[in-house]
Each structure stands twice: as C-alpha cells, then as structure tokens.
N, C-alpha and C. Protein backbone atom coordinates (compact mmCIF):
# COMPACT_ATOMS: atom_id res chain seq x y z
N MET A 1 3.88 -3.67 5.03
CA MET A 1 4.54 -3.82 6.32
C MET A 1 3.52 -4.32 7.34
N ALA A 2 3.99 -5.09 8.25
CA ALA A 2 3.10 -5.75 9.20
C ALA A 2 2.36 -4.78 10.11
N ASN A 3 2.84 -3.58 10.28
CA ASN A 3 2.19 -2.65 11.21
C ASN A 3 1.14 -1.75 10.55
N ASP A 4 0.71 -2.08 9.35
CA ASP A 4 -0.34 -1.34 8.62
C ASP A 4 0.08 0.04 8.17
N GLN A 5 1.32 0.39 8.27
CA GLN A 5 1.78 1.71 7.88
C GLN A 5 1.50 1.96 6.40
N ILE A 6 1.82 1.02 5.54
CA ILE A 6 1.59 1.19 4.10
C ILE A 6 0.10 1.32 3.81
N TRP A 7 -0.73 0.51 4.48
CA TRP A 7 -2.17 0.61 4.26
C TRP A 7 -2.68 2.02 4.60
N ASN A 8 -2.18 2.60 5.66
CA ASN A 8 -2.59 3.96 6.03
C ASN A 8 -2.21 4.96 4.93
N TYR A 9 -1.03 4.79 4.35
CA TYR A 9 -0.61 5.66 3.25
C TYR A 9 -1.53 5.49 2.05
N ILE A 10 -1.90 4.25 1.74
CA ILE A 10 -2.80 3.98 0.62
C ILE A 10 -4.16 4.63 0.87
N ALA A 11 -4.68 4.47 2.07
CA ALA A 11 -5.97 5.07 2.40
C ALA A 11 -5.91 6.59 2.28
N ASP A 12 -4.82 7.20 2.72
CA ASP A 12 -4.68 8.65 2.60
C ASP A 12 -4.58 9.08 1.14
N TYR A 13 -3.90 8.28 0.31
CA TYR A 13 -3.80 8.59 -1.11
C TYR A 13 -5.17 8.49 -1.79
N ILE A 14 -5.89 7.42 -1.50
CA ILE A 14 -7.22 7.22 -2.10
C ILE A 14 -8.18 8.33 -1.68
N SER A 15 -8.09 8.77 -0.45
CA SER A 15 -9.00 9.81 0.03
C SER A 15 -8.57 11.21 -0.38
N GLY A 16 -7.41 11.32 -1.03
CA GLY A 16 -6.97 12.62 -1.53
C GLY A 16 -6.12 13.41 -0.55
N ILE A 17 -5.82 12.84 0.59
CA ILE A 17 -4.99 13.54 1.59
C ILE A 17 -3.54 13.64 1.10
N LEU A 18 -3.07 12.59 0.43
CA LEU A 18 -1.70 12.57 -0.10
C LEU A 18 -1.72 12.60 -1.62
N SER A 19 -0.76 13.30 -2.21
CA SER A 19 -0.57 13.23 -3.66
C SER A 19 0.21 11.94 -3.96
N ARG A 20 0.28 11.61 -5.24
CA ARG A 20 1.05 10.43 -5.64
C ARG A 20 2.52 10.58 -5.22
N GLU A 21 3.09 11.74 -5.40
CA GLU A 21 4.48 11.96 -5.04
C GLU A 21 4.70 11.82 -3.53
N GLN A 22 3.78 12.39 -2.75
CA GLN A 22 3.88 12.27 -1.29
C GLN A 22 3.77 10.81 -0.87
N PHE A 23 2.86 10.07 -1.50
CA PHE A 23 2.70 8.66 -1.17
C PHE A 23 4.01 7.90 -1.37
N TRP A 24 4.66 8.08 -2.52
CA TRP A 24 5.88 7.32 -2.81
C TRP A 24 7.03 7.71 -1.89
N VAL A 25 7.09 8.97 -1.49
CA VAL A 25 8.13 9.37 -0.53
C VAL A 25 7.92 8.64 0.79
N LEU A 26 6.68 8.57 1.26
CA LEU A 26 6.39 7.90 2.53
C LEU A 26 6.50 6.39 2.44
N ALA A 27 6.12 5.83 1.29
CA ALA A 27 6.08 4.37 1.14
C ALA A 27 7.47 3.78 0.92
N LYS A 28 8.45 4.61 0.55
CA LYS A 28 9.80 4.10 0.31
C LYS A 28 10.33 3.49 1.60
N PHE A 29 10.87 2.28 1.51
CA PHE A 29 11.38 1.60 2.69
C PHE A 29 12.62 2.30 3.21
N LYS A 30 12.63 2.57 4.49
CA LYS A 30 13.75 3.26 5.11
C LYS A 30 14.70 2.30 5.82
N TYR A 31 14.29 1.07 5.96
CA TYR A 31 15.12 0.04 6.57
C TYR A 31 14.62 -1.31 6.07
N PRO A 32 15.45 -2.34 6.13
CA PRO A 32 15.02 -3.65 5.62
C PRO A 32 13.82 -4.18 6.41
N THR A 33 12.87 -4.70 5.68
CA THR A 33 11.67 -5.27 6.31
C THR A 33 11.37 -6.63 5.68
N HIS A 34 12.35 -7.49 5.67
CA HIS A 34 12.19 -8.80 5.05
C HIS A 34 11.25 -9.65 5.90
N GLN A 35 10.18 -10.11 5.28
CA GLN A 35 9.22 -10.94 5.98
C GLN A 35 8.95 -12.17 5.13
N ILE A 36 9.13 -13.34 5.71
CA ILE A 36 8.89 -14.60 5.02
C ILE A 36 7.96 -15.43 5.89
N ALA A 37 6.95 -16.03 5.28
CA ALA A 37 6.00 -16.87 6.02
C ALA A 37 6.16 -18.32 5.57
N PHE A 38 6.36 -19.20 6.51
CA PHE A 38 6.39 -20.63 6.25
C PHE A 38 5.08 -21.19 6.79
N CYS A 39 4.22 -21.62 5.90
CA CYS A 39 2.84 -21.94 6.27
C CYS A 39 2.54 -23.42 6.38
N SER A 40 3.56 -24.24 6.35
CA SER A 40 3.31 -25.68 6.51
C SER A 40 4.48 -26.32 7.25
N ARG A 41 4.21 -27.43 7.87
CA ARG A 41 5.28 -28.18 8.55
C ARG A 41 6.32 -28.67 7.55
N ARG A 42 5.85 -29.02 6.35
CA ARG A 42 6.76 -29.50 5.31
C ARG A 42 7.79 -28.42 4.95
N SER A 43 7.35 -27.17 4.83
CA SER A 43 8.29 -26.10 4.48
C SER A 43 9.31 -25.86 5.58
N LEU A 44 8.92 -26.05 6.82
CA LEU A 44 9.84 -25.81 7.94
C LEU A 44 11.00 -26.79 7.98
N LYS A 45 10.82 -27.99 7.45
CA LYS A 45 11.89 -28.98 7.52
C LYS A 45 13.08 -28.62 6.62
N TYR A 46 12.88 -27.65 5.72
CA TYR A 46 13.96 -27.23 4.84
C TYR A 46 14.81 -26.11 5.43
N LEU A 47 14.45 -25.60 6.60
CA LEU A 47 15.20 -24.53 7.25
C LEU A 47 16.35 -25.09 8.08
N ARG A 48 17.43 -24.33 8.10
CA ARG A 48 18.58 -24.71 8.93
C ARG A 48 19.12 -23.44 9.57
N TYR A 49 19.24 -23.43 10.89
CA TYR A 49 19.74 -22.26 11.62
C TYR A 49 21.24 -22.13 11.39
N LEU A 50 21.66 -20.98 10.91
CA LEU A 50 23.09 -20.75 10.65
C LEU A 50 23.72 -19.79 11.64
N GLY A 51 22.91 -19.01 12.33
CA GLY A 51 23.44 -18.05 13.28
C GLY A 51 22.64 -16.76 13.23
N ASN A 52 23.13 -15.79 13.97
CA ASN A 52 22.46 -14.49 13.99
C ASN A 52 23.49 -13.39 14.22
N TYR A 53 23.07 -12.16 13.95
CA TYR A 53 23.93 -11.00 14.20
C TYR A 53 23.04 -9.79 14.44
N GLU A 54 23.56 -8.81 15.13
CA GLU A 54 22.82 -7.60 15.44
C GLU A 54 23.18 -6.50 14.45
N VAL A 55 22.18 -5.78 14.01
CA VAL A 55 22.38 -4.68 13.07
C VAL A 55 22.17 -3.37 13.82
N ALA A 56 23.15 -2.49 13.76
CA ALA A 56 23.03 -1.19 14.42
C ALA A 56 22.23 -0.26 13.51
N ILE A 57 21.28 0.45 14.09
CA ILE A 57 20.44 1.37 13.33
C ILE A 57 20.88 2.80 13.59
C-alpha cells in the first residue's frame, strides 16, 4: 500500500513484535486498493475515460 502500512507490518513481523498469524490478520486488505502505474507517454495513449462513480464506505 502506498502509505507504508504493509511495510510497517513486515518490519514488526521481522523484529518479532508480530506473529505470523497477527501479520496476516493486519495485512489482509479491508478495502480495495487498486493501484496502476503508467510510466510512459506511450502507455497513456491507450487509456480512455469512461466515467466515474462514488463508492460509499
């Protein structure tokens, strides 16, 4: 996740603060976190805006 949350869980697991079971409970995604990176101008030309909608949490 972009906010380093997962990295913090990994660091806690490696340092022994979290057990493996605790790590997986925390690391499980609780909401969609779809992240896509388009790293070139060429890739951007294949995108087409179709619309948007709001998701209630």
